[in-house]
N, C-alpha and C. Protein backbone atom coordinates (compact mmCIF):
# COMPACT_ATOMS: atom_id res chain seq x y z
N MET A 1 31.31 -105.12 3.36
CA MET A 1 32.46 -105.83 2.94
C MET A 1 33.58 -104.89 2.53
N ASP A 2 34.82 -105.28 2.88
CA ASP A 2 35.96 -104.58 2.46
C ASP A 2 36.32 -105.12 1.03
N GLY A 3 36.23 -104.24 0.04
CA GLY A 3 36.42 -104.69 -1.34
C GLY A 3 37.85 -105.00 -1.78
N ASN A 4 38.82 -104.58 -0.99
CA ASN A 4 40.19 -104.78 -1.42
C ASN A 4 41.08 -104.98 -0.18
N ARG A 5 40.99 -106.08 0.43
CA ARG A 5 41.72 -106.32 1.69
C ARG A 5 43.23 -106.62 1.39
N LEU A 6 43.56 -106.98 0.17
CA LEU A 6 44.94 -107.38 -0.14
C LEU A 6 45.78 -106.32 -0.66
N GLY A 7 45.22 -105.05 -0.77
CA GLY A 7 46.04 -103.99 -1.23
C GLY A 7 46.36 -103.97 -2.76
N ASP A 8 45.51 -104.67 -3.53
CA ASP A 8 45.69 -104.73 -4.97
C ASP A 8 45.42 -103.36 -5.63
N ILE A 9 46.02 -103.13 -6.83
CA ILE A 9 45.65 -102.06 -7.63
C ILE A 9 44.31 -102.40 -8.36
N GLU A 10 43.37 -101.51 -8.34
CA GLU A 10 42.06 -101.79 -8.97
C GLU A 10 42.09 -101.19 -10.38
N ILE A 11 41.82 -102.04 -11.32
CA ILE A 11 41.77 -101.59 -12.80
C ILE A 11 40.35 -101.42 -13.20
N THR A 12 40.00 -100.23 -13.56
CA THR A 12 38.59 -99.88 -13.94
C THR A 12 38.52 -99.42 -15.41
N ASP A 13 39.67 -98.99 -15.94
CA ASP A 13 39.65 -98.48 -17.30
C ASP A 13 39.70 -99.60 -18.33
N PRO A 14 38.75 -99.74 -19.19
CA PRO A 14 38.78 -100.77 -20.24
C PRO A 14 40.08 -100.78 -21.06
N GLN A 15 40.59 -99.60 -21.35
CA GLN A 15 41.85 -99.59 -22.10
C GLN A 15 43.00 -100.20 -21.37
N ALA A 16 43.01 -100.01 -19.98
CA ALA A 16 44.06 -100.59 -19.20
C ALA A 16 43.91 -102.14 -19.17
N MET A 17 42.68 -102.55 -19.20
CA MET A 17 42.45 -104.03 -19.21
C MET A 17 42.90 -104.60 -20.48
N ARG A 18 42.68 -103.91 -21.60
CA ARG A 18 43.15 -104.45 -22.91
C ARG A 18 44.64 -104.38 -22.95
N ALA A 19 45.24 -103.41 -22.39
CA ALA A 19 46.68 -103.26 -22.33
C ALA A 19 47.33 -104.42 -21.60
N LEU A 20 46.71 -104.86 -20.51
CA LEU A 20 47.24 -105.99 -19.76
C LEU A 20 46.90 -107.32 -20.40
N ALA A 21 45.89 -107.38 -21.20
CA ALA A 21 45.49 -108.63 -21.79
C ALA A 21 46.42 -108.97 -22.97
N HIS A 22 47.68 -109.12 -22.67
CA HIS A 22 48.75 -109.49 -23.61
C HIS A 22 49.75 -110.33 -22.94
N PRO A 23 50.16 -111.48 -23.46
CA PRO A 23 50.98 -112.36 -22.80
C PRO A 23 52.32 -111.82 -22.22
N VAL A 24 52.94 -110.95 -23.02
CA VAL A 24 54.21 -110.40 -22.48
C VAL A 24 53.93 -109.41 -21.37
N ARG A 25 52.98 -108.63 -21.53
CA ARG A 25 52.71 -107.60 -20.44
C ARG A 25 52.20 -108.36 -19.18
N LEU A 26 51.44 -109.33 -19.26
CA LEU A 26 50.92 -110.05 -18.11
C LEU A 26 52.13 -110.73 -17.45
N ALA A 27 53.05 -111.27 -18.29
CA ALA A 27 54.26 -111.95 -17.77
C ALA A 27 55.18 -110.98 -17.06
N ILE A 28 55.28 -109.76 -17.59
CA ILE A 28 56.16 -108.74 -16.96
C ILE A 28 55.54 -108.35 -15.66
N LEU A 29 54.28 -108.07 -15.54
CA LEU A 29 53.67 -107.68 -14.28
C LEU A 29 53.78 -108.81 -13.27
N ASP A 30 53.55 -109.97 -13.70
CA ASP A 30 53.65 -111.19 -12.76
C ASP A 30 55.02 -111.25 -12.20
N ARG A 31 56.06 -111.14 -13.06
CA ARG A 31 57.44 -111.23 -12.62
C ARG A 31 57.82 -110.19 -11.66
N LEU A 32 57.44 -108.91 -11.93
CA LEU A 32 57.76 -107.82 -11.01
C LEU A 32 57.05 -108.00 -9.67
N GLN A 33 55.83 -108.44 -9.67
CA GLN A 33 55.13 -108.65 -8.48
C GLN A 33 55.69 -109.77 -7.65
N ARG A 34 56.22 -110.74 -8.31
CA ARG A 34 56.78 -111.91 -7.55
C ARG A 34 58.23 -111.67 -7.08
N TYR A 35 59.04 -111.02 -7.92
CA TYR A 35 60.48 -110.98 -7.66
C TYR A 35 60.97 -109.55 -7.35
N GLY A 36 60.17 -108.57 -7.54
CA GLY A 36 60.58 -107.23 -7.27
C GLY A 36 61.18 -106.52 -8.42
N PRO A 37 61.78 -105.30 -8.20
CA PRO A 37 62.23 -104.41 -9.35
C PRO A 37 63.24 -105.19 -10.20
N ALA A 38 63.20 -104.77 -11.55
CA ALA A 38 64.07 -105.38 -12.50
C ALA A 38 64.19 -104.41 -13.69
N THR A 39 65.22 -104.61 -14.44
CA THR A 39 65.40 -103.90 -15.76
C THR A 39 64.69 -104.69 -16.85
N ALA A 40 64.57 -103.95 -17.97
CA ALA A 40 63.98 -104.67 -19.17
C ALA A 40 64.86 -105.83 -19.57
N THR A 41 66.20 -105.54 -19.49
CA THR A 41 67.17 -106.64 -19.88
C THR A 41 67.01 -107.85 -18.94
N GLY A 42 66.89 -107.58 -17.70
CA GLY A 42 66.70 -108.67 -16.72
C GLY A 42 65.40 -109.42 -16.88
N LEU A 43 64.34 -108.71 -17.35
CA LEU A 43 63.03 -109.38 -17.44
C LEU A 43 62.97 -110.14 -18.73
N ALA A 44 63.62 -109.68 -19.79
CA ALA A 44 63.49 -110.22 -21.16
C ALA A 44 63.49 -111.72 -21.23
N PRO A 45 64.50 -112.43 -20.68
CA PRO A 45 64.57 -113.88 -20.80
C PRO A 45 63.36 -114.57 -20.23
N HIS A 46 62.65 -113.95 -19.23
CA HIS A 46 61.60 -114.60 -18.50
C HIS A 46 60.22 -114.30 -19.11
N VAL A 47 60.14 -113.38 -20.00
CA VAL A 47 58.81 -112.97 -20.53
C VAL A 47 58.68 -113.24 -22.03
N GLY A 48 59.68 -113.80 -22.67
CA GLY A 48 59.57 -114.20 -24.03
C GLY A 48 59.67 -112.99 -25.03
N ALA A 49 60.51 -112.04 -24.73
CA ALA A 49 60.65 -110.89 -25.61
C ALA A 49 62.14 -110.37 -25.49
N THR A 50 62.55 -109.58 -26.52
CA THR A 50 63.87 -108.98 -26.50
C THR A 50 63.86 -107.83 -25.53
N PRO A 51 65.06 -107.38 -25.03
CA PRO A 51 65.05 -106.25 -24.14
C PRO A 51 64.34 -105.08 -24.63
N SER A 52 64.51 -104.72 -25.96
CA SER A 52 63.88 -103.54 -26.49
C SER A 52 62.34 -103.63 -26.57
N VAL A 53 61.89 -104.84 -26.90
CA VAL A 53 60.43 -105.03 -26.90
C VAL A 53 59.88 -105.06 -25.44
N THR A 54 60.67 -105.62 -24.56
CA THR A 54 60.25 -105.57 -23.12
C THR A 54 60.16 -104.21 -22.59
N SER A 55 61.15 -103.34 -22.97
CA SER A 55 61.18 -101.98 -22.56
C SER A 55 59.90 -101.23 -23.04
N TRP A 56 59.55 -101.48 -24.31
CA TRP A 56 58.34 -100.83 -24.90
C TRP A 56 57.09 -101.29 -24.11
N HIS A 57 56.96 -102.57 -23.78
CA HIS A 57 55.80 -103.03 -23.07
C HIS A 57 55.81 -102.39 -21.63
N LEU A 58 56.98 -102.22 -21.02
CA LEU A 58 57.00 -101.68 -19.73
C LEU A 58 56.60 -100.20 -19.74
N ARG A 59 56.94 -99.47 -20.76
CA ARG A 59 56.42 -98.09 -20.84
C ARG A 59 54.92 -98.06 -21.16
N HIS A 60 54.47 -99.03 -21.85
CA HIS A 60 53.00 -99.08 -22.08
C HIS A 60 52.27 -99.32 -20.83
N LEU A 61 52.74 -100.29 -19.97
CA LEU A 61 52.15 -100.48 -18.71
C LEU A 61 52.24 -99.33 -17.78
N ALA A 62 53.36 -98.61 -17.83
CA ALA A 62 53.53 -97.44 -17.02
C ALA A 62 52.49 -96.37 -17.35
N GLY A 63 52.17 -96.31 -18.65
CA GLY A 63 51.21 -95.32 -19.08
C GLY A 63 49.79 -95.52 -18.48
N PHE A 64 49.54 -96.74 -18.00
CA PHE A 64 48.27 -97.06 -17.36
C PHE A 64 48.42 -97.18 -15.86
N GLY A 65 49.63 -96.79 -15.28
CA GLY A 65 49.81 -96.76 -13.87
C GLY A 65 49.98 -98.13 -13.26
N LEU A 66 50.39 -99.14 -14.03
CA LEU A 66 50.55 -100.52 -13.53
C LEU A 66 51.96 -100.79 -13.04
N VAL A 67 52.96 -100.10 -13.66
CA VAL A 67 54.33 -100.16 -13.19
C VAL A 67 54.93 -98.80 -13.13
N ARG A 68 56.07 -98.65 -12.50
CA ARG A 68 56.67 -97.35 -12.31
C ARG A 68 58.19 -97.51 -12.10
N ASP A 69 58.90 -96.38 -12.20
CA ASP A 69 60.30 -96.39 -11.95
C ASP A 69 60.57 -96.87 -10.54
N ALA A 70 61.53 -97.76 -10.33
CA ALA A 70 61.75 -98.22 -8.99
C ALA A 70 62.62 -97.27 -8.16
N ALA A 71 63.34 -96.36 -8.81
CA ALA A 71 64.16 -95.33 -8.11
C ALA A 71 64.27 -94.09 -8.96
N ALA A 72 63.92 -92.95 -8.31
CA ALA A 72 63.97 -91.68 -9.09
C ALA A 72 65.47 -91.36 -9.33
N GLY A 73 65.70 -90.66 -10.46
CA GLY A 73 67.00 -90.24 -10.78
C GLY A 73 68.04 -91.21 -11.16
N GLN A 74 67.64 -92.40 -11.51
CA GLN A 74 68.53 -93.51 -11.82
C GLN A 74 69.06 -93.34 -13.21
N ASP A 75 70.15 -94.06 -13.54
CA ASP A 75 70.66 -94.12 -14.89
C ASP A 75 69.64 -94.73 -15.82
N ARG A 76 69.21 -93.95 -16.83
CA ARG A 76 68.11 -94.37 -17.72
C ARG A 76 68.53 -95.59 -18.56
N ARG A 77 69.88 -95.77 -18.71
CA ARG A 77 70.33 -97.01 -19.44
C ARG A 77 70.11 -98.27 -18.64
N GLU A 78 70.01 -98.14 -17.33
CA GLU A 78 69.73 -99.26 -16.40
C GLU A 78 68.48 -99.04 -15.65
N ARG A 79 67.47 -98.61 -16.32
CA ARG A 79 66.17 -98.22 -15.74
C ARG A 79 65.56 -99.44 -15.10
N ARG A 80 65.32 -99.37 -13.78
CA ARG A 80 64.62 -100.43 -12.99
C ARG A 80 63.20 -100.09 -12.81
N TRP A 81 62.32 -101.10 -13.06
CA TRP A 81 60.91 -100.95 -12.92
C TRP A 81 60.39 -101.79 -11.76
N GLU A 82 59.25 -101.32 -11.20
CA GLU A 82 58.61 -102.12 -10.17
C GLU A 82 57.07 -102.09 -10.40
N ALA A 83 56.37 -103.12 -9.89
CA ALA A 83 54.87 -103.06 -9.93
C ALA A 83 54.38 -102.11 -8.88
N VAL A 84 53.30 -101.43 -9.15
CA VAL A 84 52.85 -100.45 -8.15
C VAL A 84 52.06 -101.03 -7.04
N ALA A 85 51.76 -102.35 -7.12
CA ALA A 85 51.09 -103.10 -6.07
C ALA A 85 51.41 -104.57 -6.16
N ARG A 86 51.16 -105.35 -5.12
CA ARG A 86 51.54 -106.72 -5.10
C ARG A 86 50.56 -107.54 -5.93
N GLY A 87 49.45 -107.00 -6.27
CA GLY A 87 48.45 -107.70 -7.13
C GLY A 87 47.56 -106.76 -7.78
N PHE A 88 46.62 -107.29 -8.61
CA PHE A 88 45.65 -106.44 -9.23
C PHE A 88 44.35 -107.12 -9.29
N ARG A 89 43.26 -106.32 -9.50
CA ARG A 89 41.93 -106.86 -9.60
C ARG A 89 41.07 -105.99 -10.54
N PHE A 90 40.07 -106.57 -11.11
CA PHE A 90 39.24 -105.78 -12.00
C PHE A 90 37.85 -106.40 -12.06
N GLU A 91 36.88 -105.58 -12.39
CA GLU A 91 35.53 -106.03 -12.62
C GLU A 91 35.08 -105.49 -13.96
N ALA A 92 34.09 -106.22 -14.60
CA ALA A 92 33.60 -105.72 -15.82
C ALA A 92 32.86 -104.40 -15.70
N PRO A 93 33.34 -103.34 -16.36
CA PRO A 93 32.62 -102.05 -16.19
C PRO A 93 31.29 -102.16 -16.91
N GLU A 94 30.49 -101.16 -16.78
CA GLU A 94 29.20 -101.09 -17.49
C GLU A 94 29.51 -100.85 -18.99
N GLY A 95 28.67 -101.34 -19.83
CA GLY A 95 28.76 -101.18 -21.27
C GLY A 95 29.51 -102.27 -21.92
N GLU A 96 29.21 -102.38 -23.24
CA GLU A 96 29.80 -103.54 -24.04
C GLU A 96 31.27 -103.45 -24.11
N GLU A 97 31.87 -102.23 -24.29
CA GLU A 97 33.35 -102.12 -24.37
C GLU A 97 33.98 -102.54 -23.04
N GLY A 98 33.41 -102.20 -21.93
CA GLY A 98 33.99 -102.64 -20.66
C GLY A 98 33.86 -104.10 -20.43
N ARG A 99 32.75 -104.66 -20.73
CA ARG A 99 32.58 -106.12 -20.63
C ARG A 99 33.56 -106.92 -21.53
N SER A 100 33.69 -106.41 -22.79
CA SER A 100 34.59 -107.05 -23.72
C SER A 100 36.04 -106.96 -23.24
N ALA A 101 36.44 -105.81 -22.67
CA ALA A 101 37.82 -105.67 -22.21
C ALA A 101 38.13 -106.58 -21.04
N ALA A 102 37.15 -106.66 -20.11
CA ALA A 102 37.32 -107.51 -18.98
C ALA A 102 37.40 -109.00 -19.37
N ARG A 103 36.54 -109.35 -20.32
CA ARG A 103 36.58 -110.76 -20.84
C ARG A 103 37.91 -111.07 -21.48
N ALA A 104 38.49 -110.08 -22.26
CA ALA A 104 39.78 -110.39 -22.89
C ALA A 104 40.85 -110.51 -21.85
N LEU A 105 40.84 -109.80 -20.82
CA LEU A 105 41.86 -109.90 -19.77
C LEU A 105 41.63 -111.22 -19.01
N SER A 106 40.42 -111.59 -18.72
CA SER A 106 40.10 -112.84 -18.01
C SER A 106 40.64 -114.07 -18.84
N LEU A 107 40.35 -113.95 -20.15
CA LEU A 107 40.76 -115.10 -21.04
C LEU A 107 42.28 -115.21 -21.05
N GLU A 108 43.01 -114.04 -21.15
CA GLU A 108 44.46 -114.12 -21.14
C GLU A 108 45.01 -114.70 -19.81
N MET A 109 44.35 -114.33 -18.70
CA MET A 109 44.79 -114.90 -17.41
C MET A 109 44.49 -116.40 -17.31
N PHE A 110 43.33 -116.89 -17.83
CA PHE A 110 43.07 -118.34 -17.87
C PHE A 110 44.15 -119.08 -18.72
N VAL A 111 44.51 -118.48 -19.88
CA VAL A 111 45.50 -119.09 -20.71
C VAL A 111 46.85 -119.13 -20.01
N ARG A 112 47.24 -118.03 -19.31
CA ARG A 112 48.51 -117.96 -18.66
C ARG A 112 48.66 -118.96 -17.49
N TYR A 113 47.61 -119.00 -16.67
CA TYR A 113 47.65 -119.72 -15.43
C TYR A 113 46.97 -121.11 -15.49
N GLY A 114 46.35 -121.42 -16.60
CA GLY A 114 45.53 -122.70 -16.62
C GLY A 114 46.37 -123.90 -16.52
N ASP A 115 47.64 -123.83 -16.93
CA ASP A 115 48.48 -125.06 -16.88
C ASP A 115 49.36 -125.17 -15.65
N LEU A 116 49.17 -124.18 -14.72
CA LEU A 116 49.93 -124.17 -13.50
C LEU A 116 49.81 -125.50 -12.68
N PRO A 117 48.54 -125.94 -12.47
CA PRO A 117 48.41 -127.16 -11.67
C PRO A 117 49.11 -128.41 -12.31
N GLY A 118 49.03 -128.52 -13.55
CA GLY A 118 49.65 -129.69 -14.27
C GLY A 118 51.18 -129.61 -14.11
N ARG A 119 51.72 -128.38 -14.31
CA ARG A 119 53.16 -128.20 -14.19
C ARG A 119 53.60 -128.44 -12.75
N TRP A 120 52.81 -128.01 -11.82
CA TRP A 120 53.13 -128.23 -10.40
C TRP A 120 53.17 -129.72 -10.09
N VAL A 121 52.18 -130.45 -10.54
CA VAL A 121 52.15 -131.94 -10.29
C VAL A 121 53.41 -132.59 -10.92
N ALA A 122 53.72 -132.18 -12.12
CA ALA A 122 54.85 -132.87 -12.79
C ALA A 122 56.18 -132.41 -12.34
N GLU A 123 56.42 -131.15 -11.96
CA GLU A 123 57.78 -130.63 -11.69
C GLU A 123 58.04 -130.35 -10.26
N THR A 124 56.99 -129.92 -9.44
CA THR A 124 57.26 -129.51 -8.09
C THR A 124 56.90 -130.53 -7.03
N GLU A 125 55.67 -130.99 -7.10
CA GLU A 125 55.12 -131.87 -6.09
C GLU A 125 55.97 -133.08 -5.79
N PRO A 126 56.59 -133.77 -6.75
CA PRO A 126 57.49 -134.91 -6.44
C PRO A 126 58.68 -134.60 -5.56
N HIS A 127 59.04 -133.31 -5.47
CA HIS A 127 60.27 -132.94 -4.72
C HIS A 127 59.93 -132.30 -3.41
N LEU A 128 58.64 -132.21 -3.08
CA LEU A 128 58.26 -131.58 -1.72
C LEU A 128 58.50 -132.64 -0.66
N ASP A 129 58.84 -132.15 0.61
CA ASP A 129 58.93 -133.07 1.64
C ASP A 129 57.48 -133.41 2.13
N PRO A 130 57.26 -134.41 2.91
CA PRO A 130 55.93 -134.91 3.29
C PRO A 130 55.04 -133.84 3.93
N ALA A 131 55.60 -132.94 4.73
CA ALA A 131 54.78 -131.95 5.39
C ALA A 131 54.18 -130.98 4.32
N TRP A 132 54.89 -130.62 3.35
CA TRP A 132 54.38 -129.74 2.31
C TRP A 132 53.49 -130.45 1.40
N GLN A 133 53.76 -131.80 1.16
CA GLN A 133 52.84 -132.54 0.28
C GLN A 133 51.46 -132.72 0.98
N ARG A 134 51.42 -132.97 2.23
CA ARG A 134 50.15 -133.02 3.01
C ARG A 134 49.37 -131.75 2.97
N ALA A 135 50.08 -130.66 3.01
CA ALA A 135 49.35 -129.32 3.11
C ALA A 135 48.95 -128.90 1.75
N SER A 136 49.41 -129.47 0.64
CA SER A 136 49.04 -129.06 -0.74
C SER A 136 47.87 -129.81 -1.22
N GLY A 137 47.45 -129.51 -2.40
CA GLY A 137 46.39 -130.20 -3.03
C GLY A 137 45.38 -129.30 -3.69
N LEU A 138 44.15 -129.77 -3.88
CA LEU A 138 43.18 -129.04 -4.56
C LEU A 138 41.76 -129.29 -3.90
N ALA A 139 40.88 -128.38 -4.09
CA ALA A 139 39.47 -128.57 -3.68
C ALA A 139 38.57 -128.15 -4.82
N ASN A 140 37.56 -128.98 -5.13
CA ASN A 140 36.64 -128.65 -6.12
C ASN A 140 35.26 -128.72 -5.52
N THR A 141 34.72 -127.56 -5.15
CA THR A 141 33.52 -127.43 -4.42
C THR A 141 32.40 -126.82 -5.18
N ARG A 142 31.22 -127.41 -5.25
CA ARG A 142 30.05 -126.84 -5.90
C ARG A 142 29.09 -126.22 -4.89
N LEU A 143 28.74 -124.99 -5.06
CA LEU A 143 27.80 -124.38 -4.10
C LEU A 143 26.50 -123.96 -4.94
N VAL A 144 25.42 -123.77 -4.18
CA VAL A 144 24.27 -123.24 -4.78
C VAL A 144 23.99 -121.91 -3.90
N VAL A 145 24.34 -120.79 -4.50
CA VAL A 145 24.29 -119.51 -3.78
C VAL A 145 23.75 -118.45 -4.64
N SER A 146 23.43 -117.25 -4.04
CA SER A 146 23.05 -116.08 -4.85
C SER A 146 24.37 -115.36 -5.23
N ALA A 147 24.21 -114.36 -6.17
CA ALA A 147 25.39 -113.49 -6.54
C ALA A 147 25.94 -112.80 -5.30
N GLU A 148 25.05 -112.30 -4.45
CA GLU A 148 25.49 -111.56 -3.25
C GLU A 148 26.18 -112.52 -2.30
N GLU A 149 25.77 -113.76 -2.20
CA GLU A 149 26.42 -114.68 -1.26
C GLU A 149 27.80 -115.08 -1.83
N LEU A 150 27.86 -115.25 -3.11
CA LEU A 150 29.23 -115.49 -3.72
C LEU A 150 30.22 -114.38 -3.43
N ALA A 151 29.74 -113.09 -3.58
CA ALA A 151 30.58 -111.99 -3.25
C ALA A 151 31.00 -112.03 -1.77
N LEU A 152 30.11 -112.46 -0.91
CA LEU A 152 30.41 -112.48 0.52
C LEU A 152 31.50 -113.56 0.81
N ILE A 153 31.35 -114.75 0.07
CA ILE A 153 32.30 -115.78 0.22
C ILE A 153 33.68 -115.33 -0.21
N GLU A 154 33.79 -114.66 -1.28
CA GLU A 154 35.05 -114.14 -1.79
C GLU A 154 35.68 -113.17 -0.76
N ASP A 155 34.84 -112.35 -0.19
CA ASP A 155 35.32 -111.39 0.83
C ASP A 155 35.82 -112.06 2.04
N GLU A 156 35.17 -113.14 2.47
CA GLU A 156 35.62 -113.89 3.64
C GLU A 156 36.90 -114.57 3.38
N ILE A 157 37.10 -115.15 2.17
CA ILE A 157 38.38 -115.79 1.85
C ILE A 157 39.51 -114.77 1.86
N GLU A 158 39.26 -113.53 1.32
CA GLU A 158 40.35 -112.56 1.34
C GLU A 158 40.55 -112.10 2.79
N ARG A 159 39.58 -112.04 3.64
CA ARG A 159 39.77 -111.66 5.06
C ARG A 159 40.71 -112.60 5.72
N VAL A 160 40.60 -113.94 5.41
CA VAL A 160 41.51 -114.92 5.97
C VAL A 160 42.98 -114.74 5.32
N LEU A 161 43.05 -114.47 4.10
CA LEU A 161 44.31 -114.45 3.39
C LEU A 161 45.10 -113.12 3.63
N ALA A 162 44.42 -112.05 3.89
CA ALA A 162 45.01 -110.71 3.99
C ALA A 162 46.20 -110.68 4.90
N PRO A 163 46.17 -111.20 6.16
CA PRO A 163 47.29 -111.00 7.02
C PRO A 163 48.53 -111.69 6.51
N TYR A 164 48.40 -112.77 5.73
CA TYR A 164 49.56 -113.48 5.23
C TYR A 164 50.07 -112.84 3.94
N VAL A 165 49.17 -112.22 3.19
CA VAL A 165 49.56 -111.56 1.96
C VAL A 165 50.33 -110.24 2.18
N THR A 166 49.84 -109.48 3.19
CA THR A 166 50.31 -108.12 3.41
C THR A 166 51.42 -107.96 4.46
N ARG A 167 51.71 -109.01 5.19
CA ARG A 167 52.78 -108.98 6.20
C ARG A 167 54.16 -108.72 5.63
N GLU A 168 55.01 -108.11 6.36
CA GLU A 168 56.39 -107.88 5.89
C GLU A 168 57.21 -109.08 5.88
N PRO A 169 58.20 -109.18 5.05
CA PRO A 169 59.07 -110.40 4.95
C PRO A 169 59.69 -110.79 6.30
N ALA A 170 59.99 -109.78 7.12
CA ALA A 170 60.64 -110.05 8.39
C ALA A 170 59.68 -110.73 9.37
N ASP A 171 58.39 -110.64 9.14
CA ASP A 171 57.40 -111.25 9.96
C ASP A 171 57.04 -112.69 9.59
N ARG A 172 57.61 -113.18 8.51
CA ARG A 172 57.32 -114.55 8.11
C ARG A 172 58.10 -115.52 8.93
N PRO A 173 57.47 -116.61 9.40
CA PRO A 173 58.11 -117.64 10.22
C PRO A 173 59.17 -118.34 9.49
N ALA A 174 60.17 -118.91 10.22
CA ALA A 174 61.22 -119.73 9.53
C ALA A 174 60.58 -120.84 8.73
N GLY A 175 61.19 -121.18 7.61
CA GLY A 175 60.69 -122.33 6.81
C GLY A 175 59.54 -121.88 5.88
N SER A 176 59.16 -120.61 5.81
CA SER A 176 58.17 -120.16 4.90
C SER A 176 58.62 -120.28 3.45
N ARG A 177 57.65 -120.47 2.57
CA ARG A 177 57.96 -120.57 1.18
C ARG A 177 56.76 -119.98 0.40
N GLY A 178 56.94 -119.63 -0.85
CA GLY A 178 55.82 -119.20 -1.69
C GLY A 178 54.81 -120.31 -1.94
N VAL A 179 53.53 -119.93 -1.87
CA VAL A 179 52.49 -120.83 -2.16
C VAL A 179 51.53 -120.16 -3.11
N ARG A 180 51.21 -120.80 -4.16
CA ARG A 180 50.23 -120.23 -5.17
C ARG A 180 48.85 -120.83 -4.85
N MET A 181 47.89 -119.92 -4.57
CA MET A 181 46.49 -120.31 -4.36
C MET A 181 45.72 -119.80 -5.56
N LEU A 182 45.12 -120.77 -6.39
CA LEU A 182 44.31 -120.37 -7.45
C LEU A 182 42.84 -120.54 -7.07
N ARG A 183 42.09 -119.47 -7.28
CA ARG A 183 40.62 -119.46 -6.93
C ARG A 183 39.88 -119.22 -8.25
N TYR A 184 39.02 -120.14 -8.63
CA TYR A 184 38.08 -119.93 -9.72
C TYR A 184 36.67 -119.91 -9.16
N ALA A 185 35.97 -118.84 -9.42
CA ALA A 185 34.59 -118.75 -9.09
C ALA A 185 33.78 -118.78 -10.43
N LEU A 186 33.22 -119.92 -10.76
CA LEU A 186 32.67 -120.12 -12.08
C LEU A 186 31.14 -120.41 -12.00
N PRO A 187 30.31 -119.36 -12.04
CA PRO A 187 28.86 -119.57 -11.97
C PRO A 187 28.41 -120.46 -13.15
N GLU A 188 27.53 -121.37 -12.90
CA GLU A 188 26.99 -122.21 -13.97
C GLU A 188 25.85 -121.49 -14.74
N GLN A 189 25.52 -122.02 -15.88
CA GLN A 189 24.39 -121.50 -16.60
C GLN A 189 23.11 -121.69 -15.75
N ALA A 190 22.15 -120.76 -15.93
CA ALA A 190 20.96 -120.86 -15.12
C ALA A 190 20.15 -122.15 -15.26
N GLU A 191 20.21 -122.69 -16.48
CA GLU A 191 19.38 -123.93 -16.68
C GLU A 191 20.04 -125.17 -16.10
N GLU A 192 21.35 -125.06 -15.67
CA GLU A 192 21.97 -126.30 -15.08
C GLU A 192 21.47 -126.53 -13.70
N ARG A 193 21.12 -127.81 -13.41
CA ARG A 193 20.66 -128.18 -12.10
C ARG A 193 21.46 -129.33 -11.57
N GLY A 194 21.74 -129.37 -10.28
CA GLY A 194 22.49 -130.46 -9.72
C GLY A 194 21.99 -130.77 -8.30
N VAL A 195 22.77 -131.34 -7.45
CA VAL A 195 22.34 -131.63 -6.11
C VAL A 195 22.25 -130.23 -5.40
N GLU A 196 21.09 -129.96 -4.84
CA GLU A 196 20.84 -128.63 -4.29
C GLU A 196 21.66 -128.31 -3.03
N ASP A 197 22.06 -129.37 -2.33
CA ASP A 197 22.86 -129.01 -1.12
C ASP A 197 24.29 -129.00 -1.41
N GLY A 198 24.75 -128.98 -2.61
CA GLY A 198 26.16 -128.83 -3.00
C GLY A 198 26.83 -130.14 -3.11
N GLU A 199 27.97 -130.08 -3.89
CA GLU A 199 28.74 -131.24 -4.13
C GLU A 199 30.17 -130.85 -3.83
N ARG A 200 30.94 -131.75 -3.34
CA ARG A 200 32.31 -131.39 -2.94
C ARG A 200 33.29 -132.53 -3.27
N TYR A 201 34.38 -132.14 -3.82
CA TYR A 201 35.51 -133.15 -3.94
C TYR A 201 36.76 -132.47 -3.41
N ASP A 202 37.41 -133.06 -2.60
CA ASP A 202 38.73 -132.61 -2.08
C ASP A 202 39.81 -133.65 -2.51
N GLY A 203 40.83 -133.12 -3.22
CA GLY A 203 41.93 -134.03 -3.54
C GLY A 203 43.18 -133.42 -2.99
N ARG A 204 43.93 -134.31 -2.30
CA ARG A 204 45.27 -133.85 -1.73
C ARG A 204 46.33 -134.81 -2.09
N SER A 205 47.49 -134.30 -2.47
CA SER A 205 48.61 -135.15 -2.87
C SER A 205 49.13 -135.85 -1.60
N ARG A 206 49.55 -137.02 -1.71
CA ARG A 206 50.07 -137.79 -0.59
C ARG A 206 51.48 -138.28 -0.91
């Protein structure tokens, strides 16, 4: 399996995970990955912090290699920052400290993105034209698999997504727009039992 088809930065240092497990820092990185280079002043209204506090968080992220100067030799008063990669990924390292740091970052990500579906339904879906409404929606699928099989499923999903994630803007067809795909792989507790051949619910907006 190719462990990083999407070109994400891989976070392995527990301290870097804890650094990113902060609402302002996670918002900064998300904004830079989505919209490209920006100054602390430009980011501040979107991340819930003053320009000076945003600048401090940017330097902290830079210390762990998550963001960098967007242009060398630029005016430091208008310092522009960029994300080092279009996405990031992490796994729980060995040891209690590593597992605790990974859990802290996971929790912050669940908090940040957990309300996205509800906001999408309330604010975005009503304004989509029928073609986009038909293509959107959710799937809630229960599988009975081994840990190795779950890793293989994730790899296959990324294999399908990679050409669309990594292509250049000029290669996107006319009418393209951003689409957020949320994937939750949530293993159940060992004692939980259900229908062994899996359960599936697909919901799509109409």
